Amino acid sequence: AHGTSTPLGDMAETQAVKAVFGGIATAPPI
């Protein structure tokens, strides 16, 4: 992940990954 440890950035990237890969049951480890 880009995952910089900013409150907004990490949340937005999580939303993006879920939109593409789904939730924790289907998304790959990140």
PDB file of all heavy atoms in Angstrom:
ATOM      1  N   ALA A   1       0.820  -1.211   0.000  1.00  0.00           N
ATOM      2  CA  ALA A   1       0.000   0.000   0.000  1.00  0.00           C
ATOM      3  C   ALA A   1       0.852   1.258   0.000  1.00  0.00           C
ATOM      4  O   ALA A   1       2.000   1.265   0.444  1.00  0.00           O
ATOM      5  CB  ALA A   1      -0.905   0.005   1.229  1.00  0.00           C
ATOM      6  N   HIS A   2       0.250   2.356  -0.449  1.00  0.00           N
ATOM      7  CA  HIS A   2       0.888   3.656  -0.255  1.00  0.00           C
ATOM      8  C   HIS A   2       0.975   3.915   1.246  1.00  0.00           C
ATOM      9  O   HIS A   2       2.028   4.303   1.736  1.00  0.00           O
ATOM     10  CB  HIS A   2       0.085   4.750  -0.963  1.00  0.00           C
ATOM     11  CG  HIS A   2       0.723   6.088  -0.910  1.00  0.00           C
ATOM     12  ND1 HIS A   2       1.966   6.337  -1.446  1.00  0.00           N
ATOM     13  CD2 HIS A   2       0.300   7.263  -0.369  1.00  0.00           C
ATOM     14  CE1 HIS A   2       2.289   7.620  -1.249  1.00  0.00           C
ATOM     15  NE2 HIS A   2       1.291   8.192  -0.598  1.00  0.00           N
ATOM     16  N   GLY A   3      -0.124   3.728   1.968  1.00  0.00           N
ATOM     17  CA  GLY A   3      -0.164   3.661   3.416  1.00  0.00           C
ATOM     18  C   GLY A   3       0.813   4.533   4.171  1.00  0.00           C
ATOM     19  O   GLY A   3       1.708   4.024   4.839  1.00  0.00           O
ATOM     20  N   THR A   4       0.636   5.852   4.134  1.00  0.00           N
ATOM     21  CA  THR A   4       1.618   6.750   4.726  1.00  0.00           C
ATOM     22  C   THR A   4       1.428   6.986   6.215  1.00  0.00           C
ATOM     23  O   THR A   4       2.275   7.598   6.852  1.00  0.00           O
ATOM     24  CB  THR A   4       1.593   8.122   4.027  1.00  0.00           C
ATOM     25  OG1 THR A   4       0.291   8.687   4.179  1.00  0.00           O
ATOM     26  CG2 THR A   4       1.958   7.999   2.571  1.00  0.00           C
ATOM     27  N   SER A   5       0.306   6.573   6.777  1.00  0.00           N
ATOM     28  CA  SER A   5      -0.032   6.788   8.189  1.00  0.00           C
ATOM     29  C   SER A   5      -0.717   8.128   8.430  1.00  0.00           C
ATOM     30  O   SER A   5      -0.704   8.644   9.534  1.00  0.00           O
ATOM     31  CB  SER A   5       1.215   6.662   9.081  1.00  0.00           C
ATOM     32  OG  SER A   5       0.905   6.695  10.444  1.00  0.00           O
ATOM     33  N   THR A   6      -1.347   8.675   7.388  1.00  0.00           N
ATOM     34  CA  THR A   6      -2.177   9.861   7.583  1.00  0.00           C
ATOM     35  C   THR A   6      -3.623   9.421   7.784  1.00  0.00           C
ATOM     36  O   THR A   6      -4.064   8.434   7.188  1.00  0.00           O
ATOM     37  CB  THR A   6      -2.101  10.824   6.387  1.00  0.00           C
ATOM     38  OG1 THR A   6      -2.557  10.155   5.206  1.00  0.00           O
ATOM     39  CG2 THR A   6      -0.679  11.306   6.175  1.00  0.00           C
ATOM     40  N   PRO A   7      -4.371  10.133   8.620  1.00  0.00           N
ATOM     41  CA  PRO A   7      -5.755   9.709   8.885  1.00  0.00           C
ATOM     42  C   PRO A   7      -6.605   9.583   7.631  1.00  0.00           C
ATOM     43  O   PRO A   7      -7.276   8.567   7.428  1.00  0.00           O
ATOM     44  CB  PRO A   7      -6.278  10.811   9.821  1.00  0.00           C
ATOM     45  CG  PRO A   7      -5.054  11.288  10.541  1.00  0.00           C
ATOM     46  CD  PRO A   7      -3.957  11.241   9.512  1.00  0.00           C
ATOM     47  N   LEU A   8      -6.571  10.592   6.764  1.00  0.00           N
ATOM     48  CA  LEU A   8      -7.429  10.568   5.582  1.00  0.00           C
ATOM     49  C   LEU A   8      -6.875   9.663   4.491  1.00  0.00           C
ATOM     50  O   LEU A   8      -7.617   8.909   3.849  1.00  0.00           O
ATOM     51  CB  LEU A   8      -7.606  11.991   5.043  1.00  0.00           C
ATOM     52  CG  LEU A   8      -8.554  12.157   3.841  1.00  0.00           C
ATOM     53  CD1 LEU A   8      -9.945  11.625   4.173  1.00  0.00           C
ATOM     54  CD2 LEU A   8      -8.642  13.623   3.431  1.00  0.00           C
ATOM     55  N   GLY A   9      -5.578   9.696   4.277  1.00  0.00           N
ATOM     56  CA  GLY A   9      -4.987   8.930   3.189  1.00  0.00           C
ATOM     57  C   GLY A   9      -5.162   7.435   3.339  1.00  0.00           C
ATOM     58  O   GLY A   9      -5.528   6.732   2.392  1.00  0.00           O
ATOM     59  N   ASP A  10      -4.909   6.913   4.543  1.00  0.00           N
ATOM     60  CA  ASP A  10      -5.039   5.470   4.750  1.00  0.00           C
ATOM     61  C   ASP A  10      -6.488   5.017   4.607  1.00  0.00           C
ATOM     62  O   ASP A  10      -6.769   3.935   4.078  1.00  0.00           O
ATOM     63  CB  ASP A  10      -4.526   5.090   6.143  1.00  0.00           C
ATOM     64  CG  ASP A  10      -3.010   5.203   6.253  1.00  0.00           C
ATOM     65  OD1 ASP A  10      -2.369   5.667   5.293  1.00  0.00           O
ATOM     66  OD2 ASP A  10      -2.473   4.838   7.311  1.00  0.00           O
ATOM     67  N   MET A  11      -7.417   5.853   5.064  1.00  0.00           N
ATOM     68  CA  MET A  11      -8.824   5.508   4.946  1.00  0.00           C
ATOM     69  C   MET A  11      -9.250   5.493   3.478  1.00  0.00           C
ATOM     70  O   MET A  11      -9.957   4.591   3.023  1.00  0.00           O
ATOM     71  CB  MET A  11      -9.683   6.491   5.725  1.00  0.00           C
ATOM     72  CG  MET A  11     -11.179   6.157   5.698  1.00  0.00           C
ATOM     73  SD  MET A  11     -12.160   7.331   6.662  1.00  0.00           S
ATOM     74  CE  MET A  11     -11.960   8.827   5.674  1.00  0.00           C
ATOM     75  N   ALA A  12      -8.816   6.503   2.706  1.00  0.00           N
ATOM     76  CA  ALA A  12      -9.186   6.577   1.296  1.00  0.00           C
ATOM     77  C   ALA A  12      -8.621   5.390   0.519  1.00  0.00           C
ATOM     78  O   ALA A  12      -9.300   4.812  -0.339  1.00  0.00           O
ATOM     79  CB  ALA A  12      -8.685   7.887   0.697  1.00  0.00           C
ATOM     80  N   GLU A  13      -7.372   5.002   0.825  1.00  0.00           N
ATOM     81  CA  GLU A  13      -6.796   3.864   0.118  1.00  0.00           C
ATOM     82  C   GLU A  13      -7.513   2.572   0.478  1.00  0.00           C
ATOM     83  O   GLU A  13      -7.735   1.707  -0.385  1.00  0.00           O
ATOM     84  CB  GLU A  13      -5.303   3.744   0.421  1.00  0.00           C
ATOM     85  CG  GLU A  13      -4.618   2.689  -0.428  1.00  0.00           C
ATOM     86  CD  GLU A  13      -3.107   2.666  -0.274  1.00  0.00           C
ATOM     87  OE1 GLU A  13      -2.573   3.366   0.622  1.00  0.00           O
ATOM     88  OE2 GLU A  13      -2.458   1.946  -1.049  1.00  0.00           O
ATOM     89  N   THR A  14      -7.910   2.435   1.738  1.00  0.00           N
ATOM     90  CA  THR A  14      -8.691   1.265   2.141  1.00  0.00           C
ATOM     91  C   THR A  14      -9.996   1.198   1.357  1.00  0.00           C
ATOM     92  O   THR A  14     -10.396   0.123   0.865  1.00  0.00           O
ATOM     93  CB  THR A  14      -8.979   1.302   3.652  1.00  0.00           C
ATOM     94  OG1 THR A  14      -7.748   1.216   4.373  1.00  0.00           O
ATOM     95  CG2 THR A  14      -9.873   0.147   4.071  1.00  0.00           C
ATOM     96  N   GLN A  15     -10.671   2.343   1.219  1.00  0.00           N
ATOM     97  CA  GLN A  15     -11.913   2.380   0.444  1.00  0.00           C
ATOM     98  C   GLN A  15     -11.662   1.972  -1.007  1.00  0.00           C
ATOM     99  O   GLN A  15     -12.465   1.259  -1.619  1.00  0.00           O
ATOM    100  CB  GLN A  15     -12.529   3.777   0.512  1.00  0.00           C
ATOM    101  CG  GLN A  15     -13.007   4.196   1.893  1.00  0.00           C
ATOM    102  CD  GLN A  15     -14.030   3.236   2.467  1.00  0.00           C
ATOM    103  OE1 GLN A  15     -14.991   2.849   1.811  1.00  0.00           O
ATOM    104  NE2 GLN A  15     -13.817   2.831   3.717  1.00  0.00           N
ATOM    105  N   ALA A  16     -10.546   2.436  -1.560  1.00  0.00           N
ATOM    106  CA  ALA A  16     -10.219   2.113  -2.953  1.00  0.00           C
ATOM    107  C   ALA A  16      -9.980   0.615  -3.125  1.00  0.00           C
ATOM    108  O   ALA A  16     -10.480  -0.007  -4.078  1.00  0.00           O
ATOM    109  CB  ALA A  16      -8.992   2.905  -3.390  1.00  0.00           C
ATOM    110  N   VAL A  17      -9.214   0.021  -2.196  1.00  0.00           N
ATOM    111  CA  VAL A  17      -8.940  -1.412  -2.281  1.00  0.00           C
ATOM    112  C   VAL A  17     -10.234  -2.213  -2.156  1.00  0.00           C
ATOM    113  O   VAL A  17     -10.470  -3.176  -2.903  1.00  0.00           O
ATOM    114  CB  VAL A  17      -7.924  -1.825  -1.192  1.00  0.00           C
ATOM    115  CG1 VAL A  17      -7.818  -3.348  -1.106  1.00  0.00           C
ATOM    116  CG2 VAL A  17      -6.550  -1.216  -1.488  1.00  0.00           C
ATOM    117  N   LYS A  18     -11.110  -1.810  -1.249  1.00  0.00           N
ATOM    118  CA  LYS A  18     -12.379  -2.518  -1.083  1.00  0.00           C
ATOM    119  C   LYS A  18     -13.260  -2.389  -2.318  1.00  0.00           C
ATOM    120  O   LYS A  18     -13.968  -3.333  -2.690  1.00  0.00           O
ATOM    121  CB  LYS A  18     -13.102  -2.004   0.161  1.00  0.00           C
ATOM    122  CG  LYS A  18     -12.407  -2.413   1.458  1.00  0.00           C
ATOM    123  CD  LYS A  18     -12.896  -1.658   2.669  1.00  0.00           C
ATOM    124  CE  LYS A  18     -14.293  -2.013   3.070  1.00  0.00           C
ATOM    125  NZ  LYS A  18     -14.681  -1.376   4.345  1.00  0.00           N
ATOM    126  N   ALA A  19     -13.206  -1.233  -2.984  1.00  0.00           N
ATOM    127  CA  ALA A  19     -14.001  -1.042  -4.193  1.00  0.00           C
ATOM    128  C   ALA A  19     -13.548  -1.975  -5.313  1.00  0.00           C
ATOM    129  O   ALA A  19     -14.356  -2.431  -6.123  1.00  0.00           O
ATOM    130  CB  ALA A  19     -13.905   0.411  -4.657  1.00  0.00           C
ATOM    131  N   VAL A  20     -12.245  -2.267  -5.343  1.00  0.00           N
ATOM    132  CA  VAL A  20     -11.707  -3.117  -6.405  1.00  0.00           C
ATOM    133  C   VAL A  20     -11.722  -4.591  -6.021  1.00  0.00           C
ATOM    134  O   VAL A  20     -12.050  -5.456  -6.839  1.00  0.00           O
ATOM    135  CB  VAL A  20     -10.263  -2.682  -6.755  1.00  0.00           C
ATOM    136  CG1 VAL A  20      -9.642  -3.620  -7.790  1.00  0.00           C
ATOM    137  CG2 VAL A  20     -10.241  -1.249  -7.261  1.00  0.00           C
ATOM    138  N   PHE A  21     -11.386  -4.893  -4.763  1.00  0.00           N
ATOM    139  CA  PHE A  21     -11.180  -6.282  -4.347  1.00  0.00           C
ATOM    140  C   PHE A  21     -12.248  -6.812  -3.398  1.00  0.00           C
ATOM    141  O   PHE A  21     -12.269  -8.016  -3.116  1.00  0.00           O
ATOM    142  CB  PHE A  21      -9.815  -6.419  -3.658  1.00  0.00           C
ATOM    143  CG  PHE A  21      -8.641  -6.180  -4.564  1.00  0.00           C
ATOM    144  CD1 PHE A  21      -8.103  -4.909  -4.698  1.00  0.00           C
ATOM    145  CD2 PHE A  21      -8.073  -7.220  -5.279  1.00  0.00           C
ATOM    146  CE1 PHE A  21      -7.011  -4.676  -5.523  1.00  0.00           C
ATOM    147  CE2 PHE A  21      -6.986  -7.004  -6.111  1.00  0.00           C
ATOM    148  CZ  PHE A  21      -6.455  -5.724  -6.233  1.00  0.00           C
ATOM    149  N   GLY A  22     -13.080  -5.949  -2.850  1.00  0.00           N
ATOM    150  CA  GLY A  22     -14.070  -6.385  -1.886  1.00  0.00           C
ATOM    151  C   GLY A  22     -13.575  -6.241  -0.466  1.00  0.00           C
ATOM    152  O   GLY A  22     -12.555  -5.598  -0.193  1.00  0.00           O
ATOM    153  N   GLY A  23     -14.271  -6.822   0.484  1.00  0.00           N
ATOM    154  CA  GLY A  23     -13.945  -6.703   1.897  1.00  0.00           C
ATOM    155  C   GLY A  23     -12.852  -7.656   2.326  1.00  0.00           C
ATOM    156  O   GLY A  23     -12.154  -8.263   1.501  1.00  0.00           O
ATOM    157  N   ILE A  24     -12.719  -7.838   3.630  1.00  0.00           N
ATOM    158  CA  ILE A  24     -11.612  -8.617   4.168  1.00  0.00           C
ATOM    159  C   ILE A  24     -11.661 -10.073   3.724  1.00  0.00           C
ATOM    160  O   ILE A  24     -10.628 -10.753   3.653  1.00  0.00           O
ATOM    161  CB  ILE A  24     -11.597  -8.517   5.706  1.00  0.00           C
ATOM    162  CG1 ILE A  24     -10.276  -9.045   6.269  1.00  0.00           C
ATOM    163  CG2 ILE A  24     -12.788  -9.250   6.328  1.00  0.00           C
ATOM    164  CD1 ILE A  24     -10.051  -8.708   7.719  1.00  0.00           C
ATOM    165  N   ALA A  25     -12.826 -10.560   3.364  1.00  0.00           N
ATOM    166  CA  ALA A  25     -12.941 -11.961   2.948  1.00  0.00           C
ATOM    167  C   ALA A  25     -12.376 -12.197   1.555  1.00  0.00           C
ATOM    168  O   ALA A  25     -11.968 -13.318   1.216  1.00  0.00           O
ATOM    169  CB  ALA A  25     -14.394 -12.405   3.004  1.00  0.00           C
ATOM    170  N   THR A  26     -12.345 -11.169   0.724  1.00  0.00           N
ATOM    171  CA  THR A  26     -11.922 -11.353  -0.671  1.00  0.00           C
ATOM    172  C   THR A  26     -10.696 -10.534  -1.053  1.00  0.00           C
ATOM    173  O   THR A  26     -10.038 -10.842  -2.041  1.00  0.00           O
ATOM    174  CB  THR A  26     -13.073 -10.988  -1.630  1.00  0.00           C
ATOM    175  OG1 THR A  26     -13.537  -9.665  -1.326  1.00  0.00           O
ATOM    176  CG2 THR A  26     -14.231 -11.971  -1.494  1.00  0.00           C
ATOM    177  N   ALA A  27     -10.375  -9.483  -0.313  1.00  0.00           N
ATOM    178  CA  ALA A  27      -9.210  -8.666  -0.640  1.00  0.00           C
ATOM    179  C   ALA A  27      -7.933  -9.395  -0.237  1.00  0.00           C
ATOM    180  O   ALA A  27      -7.910 -10.117   0.760  1.00  0.00           O
ATOM    181  CB  ALA A  27      -9.286  -7.319   0.074  1.00  0.00           C
ATOM    182  N   PRO A  28      -6.858  -9.222  -0.976  1.00  0.00           N
ATOM    183  CA  PRO A  28      -5.596  -9.864  -0.607  1.00  0.00           C
ATOM    184  C   PRO A  28      -4.978  -9.184   0.609  1.00  0.00           C
ATOM    185  O   PRO A  28      -5.376  -8.073   0.982  1.00  0.00           O
ATOM    186  CB  PRO A  28      -4.724  -9.651  -1.845  1.00  0.00           C
ATOM    187  CG  PRO A  28      -5.246  -8.388  -2.447  1.00  0.00           C
ATOM    188  CD  PRO A  28      -6.733  -8.408  -2.200  1.00  0.00           C
ATOM    189  N   PRO A  29      -4.000  -9.813   1.252  1.00  0.00           N
ATOM    190  CA  PRO A  29      -3.268  -9.135   2.328  1.00  0.00           C
ATOM    191  C   PRO A  29      -2.646  -7.847   1.793  1.00  0.00           C
ATOM    192  O   PRO A  29      -2.178  -7.794   0.650  1.00  0.00           O
ATOM    193  CB  PRO A  29      -2.197 -10.146   2.726  1.00  0.00           C
ATOM    194  CG  PRO A  29      -2.714 -11.466   2.247  1.00  0.00           C
ATOM    195  CD  PRO A  29      -3.509 -11.173   1.013  1.00  0.00           C
ATOM    196  N   ILE A  30      -2.636  -6.812   2.615  1.00  0.00           N
ATOM    197  CA  ILE A  30      -2.123  -5.507   2.213  1.00  0.00           C
ATOM    198  C   ILE A  30      -1.256  -4.966   3.352  1.00  0.00           C
ATOM    199  O   ILE A  30      -1.666  -4.995   4.513  1.00  0.00           O
ATOM    200  CB  ILE A  30      -3.293  -4.541   1.882  1.00  0.00           C
ATOM    201  CG1 ILE A  30      -2.803  -3.103   1.653  1.00  0.00           C
ATOM    202  CG2 ILE A  30      -4.365  -4.566   2.939  1.00  0.00           C
ATOM    203  CD1 ILE A  30      -3.908  -2.162   1.157  1.00  0.00           C
TER     204      ILE A  30
END
